[in-house]
Amino acid sequence: LTVSDLLDPISGRWREELVHDTFSPEDAVRVLNTRVNFTHQDVVIWCFTRDGRYSSKSEAETWRGLNLTQAPPNHPAEPSSVPPLRWCRPPRNWLKCNVSASWGSHNRMGGAAWIVRDHGGLPLSHSRRAFSGRTSCIEAELQSLLWSIRALIDLRIK
């Protein structure tokens, strides 16, 4: 994601709805209050390294740090009475998008992911993100669905 993805190409202003859908409420306010400098080229920067370059090692260290600080207490899960479902391929010349969401009442954080596969089961595109400040599981689920639909529209996946 680059800054130009979040700007209206004609007016040069922030696409506010997209900014709010992409970032937490606190971060969205920061983004919308940031003035854009059109004299510099838009580049992707990985904020977890000094030089701004992505590395799988820095991503692993970031995730490891997040898991250590935010891991919920380990409680054994109760057995589920619902049998596990198996993924089914879509018909030939069709695509299938699976969306998943999660939500934690203790921190009001949610997460979402989607993946698009073809009739052969091959992944074509996918994404994941986190949401903060969600007040219920259903809100996190609906936010996840809305986010995934907008992403598919942006990617022109029908």
Protein backbone atom coordinates (compact mmCIF):
# COMPACT_ATOMS: atom_id res chain seq x y z
CA LEU A 1 0.00 0.00 0.00
CA THR A 2 1.38 3.39 -0.94
CA VAL A 3 0.22 6.92 -0.19
CA SER A 4 -0.98 7.35 -3.78
CA ASP A 5 -3.38 4.42 -3.26
CA LEU A 6 -5.11 6.48 -0.56
CA LEU A 7 -5.36 9.71 -2.55
CA ASP A 8 -8.00 10.84 -4.99
CA PRO A 9 -6.09 11.02 -8.31
CA ILE A 10 -7.94 14.15 -9.45
CA SER A 11 -8.13 16.30 -6.32
CA GLY A 12 -5.01 14.97 -4.58
CA ARG A 13 -6.97 14.77 -1.32
CA TRP A 14 -7.18 11.79 1.02
CA ARG A 15 -9.89 9.25 0.19
CA GLU A 16 -11.27 9.50 3.73
CA GLU A 17 -13.51 6.45 3.64
CA LEU A 18 -10.66 4.27 2.37
CA VAL A 19 -8.29 5.68 5.02
CA HIS A 20 -10.82 4.86 7.77
CA ASP A 21 -11.34 1.37 6.33
CA THR A 22 -7.60 0.73 6.11
CA PHE A 23 -6.36 2.05 9.46
CA SER A 24 -7.42 2.02 13.09
CA PRO A 25 -9.42 5.11 14.14
CA GLU A 26 -6.36 6.61 15.85
CA ASP A 27 -4.09 6.02 12.86
CA ALA A 28 -6.73 7.24 10.38
CA VAL A 29 -6.82 10.60 12.19
CA ARG A 30 -3.02 10.81 11.95
CA VAL A 31 -3.06 9.96 8.24
CA LEU A 32 -5.81 12.47 7.45
CA ASN A 33 -3.90 15.20 9.32
CA THR A 34 -0.73 14.50 7.32
CA ARG A 35 0.07 16.86 4.47
CA VAL A 36 1.13 15.12 1.30
CA ASN A 37 4.37 16.17 -0.38
CA PHE A 38 3.92 15.74 -4.12
CA THR A 39 7.57 16.57 -4.88
CA HIS A 40 8.84 13.17 -3.72
CA GLN A 41 8.33 9.81 -5.39
CA ASP A 42 5.92 7.46 -3.58
CA VAL A 43 7.88 4.52 -2.16
CA VAL A 44 7.05 1.60 0.11
CA ILE A 45 8.87 1.70 3.46
CA TRP A 46 9.00 -1.14 6.01
CA CYS A 47 8.95 0.67 9.34
CA PHE A 48 10.49 -2.23 11.30
CA THR A 49 14.01 -1.86 9.87
CA ARG A 50 16.43 1.08 9.98
CA ASP A 51 16.82 1.31 6.22
CA GLY A 52 13.09 0.86 5.45
CA ARG A 53 13.63 -2.35 3.50
CA TYR A 54 11.46 -5.38 4.16
CA SER A 55 13.05 -8.64 5.24
CA SER A 56 11.40 -11.88 6.28
CA LYS A 57 13.63 -11.84 9.38
CA SER A 58 12.29 -8.44 10.49
CA GLU A 59 8.71 -9.60 9.88
CA ALA A 60 9.31 -12.76 11.92
CA GLU A 61 10.83 -10.70 14.75
CA THR A 62 7.87 -8.31 14.66
CA TRP A 63 5.31 -11.15 14.81
CA ARG A 64 7.26 -12.92 17.54
CA GLY A 65 7.29 -9.71 19.59
CA LEU A 66 3.56 -9.18 19.08
CA ASN A 67 2.76 -12.76 20.04
CA LEU A 68 4.82 -12.52 23.21
CA THR A 69 3.19 -9.28 24.35
CA GLN A 70 -0.40 -9.90 23.24
CA ALA A 71 -0.88 -13.63 23.60
CA PRO A 72 -4.03 -14.39 25.60
CA PRO A 73 -3.85 -16.85 28.49
CA ASN A 74 -3.75 -20.46 27.38
CA HIS A 75 -7.10 -22.08 28.14
CA PRO A 76 -8.03 -25.47 26.73
CA ALA A 77 -10.78 -25.16 24.15
CA GLU A 78 -14.06 -26.89 24.75
CA PRO A 79 -14.83 -29.69 22.31
CA SER A 80 -16.94 -28.51 19.41
CA SER A 81 -20.14 -30.29 18.46
CA VAL A 82 -19.92 -28.88 14.92
CA PRO A 83 -18.13 -31.21 12.51
CA PRO A 84 -15.22 -29.60 10.65
CA LEU A 85 -16.00 -28.39 7.15
CA ARG A 86 -13.81 -29.10 4.15
CA TRP A 87 -13.10 -26.47 1.54
CA CYS A 88 -14.80 -27.10 -1.81
CA ARG A 89 -13.50 -25.85 -5.14
CA PRO A 90 -15.68 -23.49 -7.17
CA PRO A 91 -17.03 -24.65 -10.54
CA ARG A 92 -14.78 -24.35 -13.61
CA ASN A 93 -14.25 -20.72 -14.74
CA TRP A 94 -15.42 -19.43 -11.35
CA LEU A 95 -13.45 -17.91 -8.47
CA LYS A 96 -14.13 -18.39 -4.79
CA CYS A 97 -13.31 -15.91 -2.03
CA ASN A 98 -13.12 -17.14 1.55
CA VAL A 99 -13.23 -14.51 4.31
CA SER A 100 -12.39 -15.08 7.95
CA ALA A 101 -12.54 -12.80 10.97
CA SER A 102 -11.71 -12.94 14.64
CA TRP A 103 -12.34 -10.65 17.61
CA GLY A 104 -11.12 -10.42 21.19
CA SER A 105 -13.41 -8.92 23.81
CA HIS A 106 -10.48 -8.36 26.19
CA ASN A 107 -8.76 -5.87 23.86
CA ARG A 108 -11.49 -5.08 21.29
CA MET A 109 -9.07 -6.07 18.52
CA GLY A 110 -10.18 -7.87 15.42
CA GLY A 111 -8.41 -9.53 12.57
CA ALA A 112 -9.48 -10.45 9.07
CA ALA A 113 -8.17 -12.33 6.08
CA TRP A 114 -9.43 -13.27 2.66
CA ILE A 115 -8.18 -15.50 -0.13
CA VAL A 116 -9.36 -15.93 -3.71
CA ARG A 117 -8.84 -19.30 -5.41
CA ASP A 118 -9.64 -20.59 -8.87
CA HIS A 119 -11.49 -23.81 -9.79
CA GLY A 120 -8.21 -25.72 -9.43
CA GLY A 121 -7.81 -24.51 -5.84
CA LEU A 122 -4.84 -22.29 -6.73
CA PRO A 123 -4.61 -19.04 -4.72
CA LEU A 124 -4.82 -15.94 -6.93
CA SER A 125 -4.80 -13.18 -4.31
CA HIS A 126 -5.04 -12.78 -0.56
CA SER A 127 -4.74 -10.22 2.23
CA ARG A 128 -4.94 -9.84 5.99
CA ARG A 129 -5.29 -6.95 8.41
CA ALA A 130 -6.12 -5.96 11.97
CA PHE A 131 -8.90 -3.74 13.29
CA SER A 132 -8.96 -1.95 16.63
CA GLY A 133 -11.80 -0.54 18.68
CA ARG A 134 -14.48 -2.99 17.55
CA THR A 135 -17.23 -3.40 20.15
CA SER A 136 -18.52 -6.85 19.22
CA CYS A 137 -17.80 -9.98 17.27
CA ILE A 138 -20.54 -9.16 14.76
CA GLU A 139 -19.04 -5.69 14.19
CA ALA A 140 -15.65 -7.28 13.49
CA GLU A 141 -17.26 -9.81 11.13
CA LEU A 142 -19.14 -7.12 9.21
CA GLN A 143 -16.07 -4.85 9.03
CA SER A 144 -14.07 -7.80 7.68
CA LEU A 145 -16.67 -8.56 5.04
CA LEU A 146 -16.90 -4.91 3.95
CA TRP A 147 -13.10 -4.60 3.81
CA SER A 148 -12.75 -7.77 1.72
CA ILE A 149 -15.47 -6.70 -0.73
CA ARG A 150 -13.80 -3.31 -1.23
CA ALA A 151 -10.43 -4.99 -1.75
CA LEU A 152 -11.90 -7.30 -4.41
CA ILE A 153 -13.53 -4.34 -6.15
CA ASP A 154 -10.21 -2.46 -6.12
CA LEU A 155 -8.53 -5.52 -7.62
CA ARG A 156 -11.33 -5.81 -10.21
CA ILE A 157 -12.08 -9.37 -9.16
CA LYS A 158 -15.67 -10.31 -9.99
